[in-house]
Amino acid sequence: MGYLGRDEIDAIGFASVGRDVLISNMASFYNAATITIGNNVRIDDFCVLSAGAGGIEIGNFVHISVGSTLIGARKITLADFSGLSSHVSIYSSSDDYSGALMTNPMVPLRFRGGANEEVFLGKHVIVGSGSVILPGTIIDEGVAIGALSLVKAHCEPFGIYAGSPAKRIKERSRELLNLENKLLSDPEKKN
């Protein structure tokens, strides 16, 4: 994987980009002017970030792993210290599959319908490989989502959720909050 240089990152036209940002030269961005990226962020190969009018907001110390997608008309937020494992899909828009309306973006809007709702991932959220997060989902601080989960409902803080649909299966330790404080008080903030 090769990373873009700062001049190449700036040329994409993001709304804003922090420092210490690593973006693969094989990642794709659509409507970049509505995407904000914080400090200490890494976006890996084959990721697709397709922002609608609501935009995509990526906090600090965030990792978006290989092949992940963030797509939709409404805002998608990844708060500080959150991370997506490989092949995670987050949608803030979805077609109506009932047959009452047509589907796909090539059909004029007046013939289509579906869900358009914001998606929010709080601080310290980790989403396991192959998981899908649907429009309107709120994943509160400290939640861990197991691999191959389908998340379509509110996830309460510091729970571990898994399954299709995802259900809370146990509690998650809050020790990571102490580690966050140590990291943020470290003047170098390096490995």
Foldseek 3Di string as FASTA:
>chain_A
DDWDDPVVVVVVQACEEEPCETEDPQEEEAPRPQEYYYEQEYEDHQEYEHEAPQGEYEEYNEYEEANEYEDERHYEYDYAQEYEYHNEYEYQWDWDPPPCADDDPVDDPVRTDTGHAYEYAEHNEYEAACEYEYHPEYEYAQEYEYHNEYEDYYHDYQFYWYDDPTDGDGGHDPVVVVVVVVLVVDPVSDD
